[in-house]
Amino acid sequence: MIEKRRQINFILLSFGILNFFVIIIVSVVLYLFFSPYNKNGIGKYDNQGGSFFANQNVDLKPTLTPQELSANYKKDIETQINFVKNTDKDIVALSQELENNLLAIHVPTEEKENFLNVTLQLVRMQKQGLEIDANASKDKILELLNSLLNYEDK
């Protein structure tokens, strides 16, 4: 009777130890996979030092100076003004495409508030229904876009 009790304890002990190691291994793998130091998953090495936990921040867009950003912003707004002036699309399609184009523009910090106001006015115009006269709606849109260019002159 004593032998049977020792055998059961040995089986439970070995099962417990096995479970303990499985839990440890799973914990380590989950930590490595979701670690904030390793954003790209398990086994990704950086190109510089070969560190397993290297934080790989790759900047794909070149940084622009504030002057370059402002010049690009003005050029993008002028492009949108020419788009509105020269398009033969109906006013609903024009306003939808213009909204998408405006959301793709990189805006300088000092222009963000005015740009947001103009974009929201355009969206409100769409929600409230554009005017029946397409030319009147185009004129209102052009007025809004021109206010973006003339804002810093004020």
Protein backbone atom coordinates (compact mmCIF):
# COMPACT_ATOMS: atom_id res chain seq x y z
CA MET A 1 0.00 0.00 0.00
CA ILE A 2 2.91 2.35 0.67
CA GLU A 3 4.40 1.66 -2.79
CA LYS A 4 1.20 2.66 -4.54
CA ARG A 5 1.12 6.03 -2.75
CA ARG A 6 4.76 6.79 -3.72
CA GLN A 7 4.05 5.91 -7.34
CA ILE A 8 1.08 8.31 -7.49
CA ASN A 9 3.11 11.11 -5.92
CA PHE A 10 5.94 10.53 -8.41
CA ILE A 11 3.50 10.72 -11.36
CA LEU A 12 1.86 13.89 -10.01
CA LEU A 13 5.24 15.44 -9.29
CA SER A 14 6.59 14.72 -12.79
CA PHE A 15 3.36 15.98 -14.37
CA GLY A 16 3.55 19.17 -12.29
CA ILE A 17 7.19 19.79 -13.23
CA LEU A 18 6.39 19.26 -16.92
CA ASN A 19 3.49 21.72 -16.72
CA PHE A 20 5.69 24.25 -14.95
CA PHE A 21 8.27 24.17 -17.76
CA VAL A 22 5.57 24.41 -20.42
CA ILE A 23 4.13 27.50 -18.72
CA ILE A 24 7.59 29.07 -18.48
CA ILE A 25 8.34 28.41 -22.17
CA VAL A 26 4.97 29.77 -23.32
CA SER A 27 5.45 32.87 -21.15
CA VAL A 28 8.88 33.57 -22.62
CA VAL A 29 7.64 33.12 -26.19
CA LEU A 30 4.66 35.42 -25.59
CA TYR A 31 6.92 38.01 -23.98
CA LEU A 32 9.29 37.93 -26.95
CA PHE A 33 6.44 38.13 -29.42
CA PHE A 34 4.60 41.03 -27.75
CA SER A 35 7.61 42.82 -26.31
CA PRO A 36 7.67 46.59 -26.86
CA TYR A 37 11.38 46.27 -27.62
CA ASN A 38 10.80 43.96 -30.56
CA LYS A 39 8.13 45.55 -32.75
CA ASN A 40 8.65 43.24 -35.73
CA GLY A 41 8.10 39.89 -34.04
CA ILE A 42 10.36 37.02 -33.11
CA GLY A 43 13.77 36.64 -34.69
CA LYS A 44 14.07 40.02 -36.40
CA TYR A 45 17.60 41.33 -36.25
CA ASP A 46 18.60 44.88 -37.00
CA ASN A 47 21.17 45.56 -39.70
CA GLN A 48 23.58 47.43 -37.46
CA GLY A 49 24.43 45.31 -34.46
CA GLY A 50 22.44 42.12 -34.83
CA SER A 51 20.59 42.73 -31.59
CA PHE A 52 17.59 40.49 -31.07
CA PHE A 53 15.65 43.17 -29.19
CA ALA A 54 16.61 46.10 -31.40
CA ASN A 55 13.94 48.69 -31.98
CA GLN A 56 13.73 49.15 -35.73
CA ASN A 57 12.47 52.63 -36.47
CA VAL A 58 12.67 53.13 -40.20
CA ASP A 59 11.68 56.56 -41.46
CA LEU A 60 10.50 56.04 -45.02
CA LYS A 61 9.52 59.68 -45.58
CA PRO A 62 12.24 62.25 -45.67
CA THR A 63 11.72 65.04 -43.18
CA LEU A 64 10.85 68.40 -44.65
CA THR A 65 11.85 71.79 -43.39
CA PRO A 66 8.98 74.11 -42.43
CA GLN A 67 9.67 76.19 -45.54
CA GLU A 68 9.48 73.15 -47.82
CA LEU A 69 6.31 71.95 -46.10
CA SER A 70 4.71 75.38 -46.52
CA ALA A 71 5.72 75.54 -50.19
CA ASN A 72 4.35 72.03 -50.82
CA TYR A 73 1.14 72.95 -48.99
CA LYS A 74 0.61 76.04 -51.18
CA LYS A 75 1.35 74.02 -54.31
CA ASP A 76 -1.14 71.32 -53.25
CA ILE A 77 -3.87 73.90 -52.55
CA GLU A 78 -3.23 75.57 -55.91
CA THR A 79 -3.50 72.14 -57.56
CA GLN A 80 -6.88 71.64 -55.91
CA ILE A 81 -8.05 75.09 -57.04
CA ASN A 82 -7.06 74.25 -60.63
CA PHE A 83 -8.81 70.88 -60.28
CA VAL A 84 -12.06 72.59 -59.23
CA LYS A 85 -11.80 75.23 -61.96
CA ASN A 86 -11.01 72.81 -64.79
CA THR A 87 -13.10 69.76 -63.95
CA ASP A 88 -16.24 68.81 -65.83
CA LYS A 89 -17.50 66.42 -63.13
CA ASP A 90 -20.85 66.92 -61.47
CA ILE A 91 -20.72 68.90 -58.23
CA VAL A 92 -21.32 65.89 -55.94
CA ALA A 93 -18.47 63.85 -57.45
CA LEU A 94 -16.29 66.96 -57.46
CA SER A 95 -16.84 67.64 -53.76
CA GLN A 96 -16.24 63.99 -52.82
CA GLU A 97 -12.96 63.86 -54.74
CA LEU A 98 -11.91 67.26 -53.39
CA GLU A 99 -12.54 66.06 -49.82
CA ASN A 100 -10.36 62.98 -50.41
CA ASN A 101 -7.64 65.13 -51.98
CA LEU A 102 -7.68 67.57 -49.06
CA LEU A 103 -7.31 64.77 -46.55
CA ALA A 104 -4.12 63.64 -48.33
CA ILE A 105 -2.40 67.03 -48.02
CA HIS A 106 0.33 67.53 -45.40
CA VAL A 107 -0.53 70.73 -43.56
CA PRO A 108 1.94 73.00 -41.72
CA THR A 109 1.22 73.40 -38.02
CA GLU A 110 0.31 77.07 -38.23
CA GLU A 111 -2.25 76.35 -40.99
CA LYS A 112 -3.96 73.34 -39.38
CA GLU A 113 -6.82 75.17 -37.68
CA ASN A 114 -7.85 77.09 -40.79
CA PHE A 115 -7.41 74.00 -42.98
CA LEU A 116 -9.62 71.98 -40.64
CA ASN A 117 -12.30 74.70 -40.68
CA VAL A 118 -12.33 74.80 -44.48
CA THR A 119 -12.46 71.01 -44.75
CA LEU A 120 -15.33 70.87 -42.27
CA GLN A 121 -17.20 73.57 -44.17
CA LEU A 122 -16.83 71.51 -47.33
CA VAL A 123 -18.16 68.43 -45.54
CA ARG A 124 -21.08 70.46 -44.13
CA MET A 125 -21.87 71.67 -47.63
CA GLN A 126 -22.03 68.04 -48.78
CA LYS A 127 -24.24 66.99 -45.86
CA GLN A 128 -26.64 69.91 -46.23
CA GLY A 129 -26.84 69.38 -49.95
CA LEU A 130 -24.96 71.34 -52.52
CA GLU A 131 -26.75 74.17 -54.25
CA ILE A 132 -28.76 73.40 -57.34
CA ASP A 133 -26.64 75.74 -59.41
CA ALA A 134 -23.32 73.95 -59.88
CA ASN A 135 -21.52 77.22 -60.64
CA ALA A 136 -22.62 78.73 -57.32
CA SER A 137 -21.36 75.65 -55.48
CA LYS A 138 -18.08 75.74 -57.38
CA ASP A 139 -17.69 79.43 -56.55
CA LYS A 140 -18.26 78.72 -52.85
CA ILE A 141 -15.71 75.87 -52.94
CA LEU A 142 -13.18 78.07 -54.75
CA GLU A 143 -13.74 80.80 -52.18
CA LEU A 144 -13.00 78.32 -49.39
CA LEU A 145 -9.84 77.06 -51.11
CA ASN A 146 -8.62 80.58 -51.84
CA SER A 147 -9.07 81.42 -48.15
CA LEU A 148 -6.47 78.73 -47.41
CA LEU A 149 -3.90 80.51 -49.58
CA ASN A 150 -4.75 83.99 -48.32
CA TYR A 151 -4.93 83.01 -44.65
CA GLU A 152 -1.31 83.73 -43.81
CA ASP A 153 -1.48 87.14 -45.50
CA LYS A 154 -4.09 88.26 -42.97
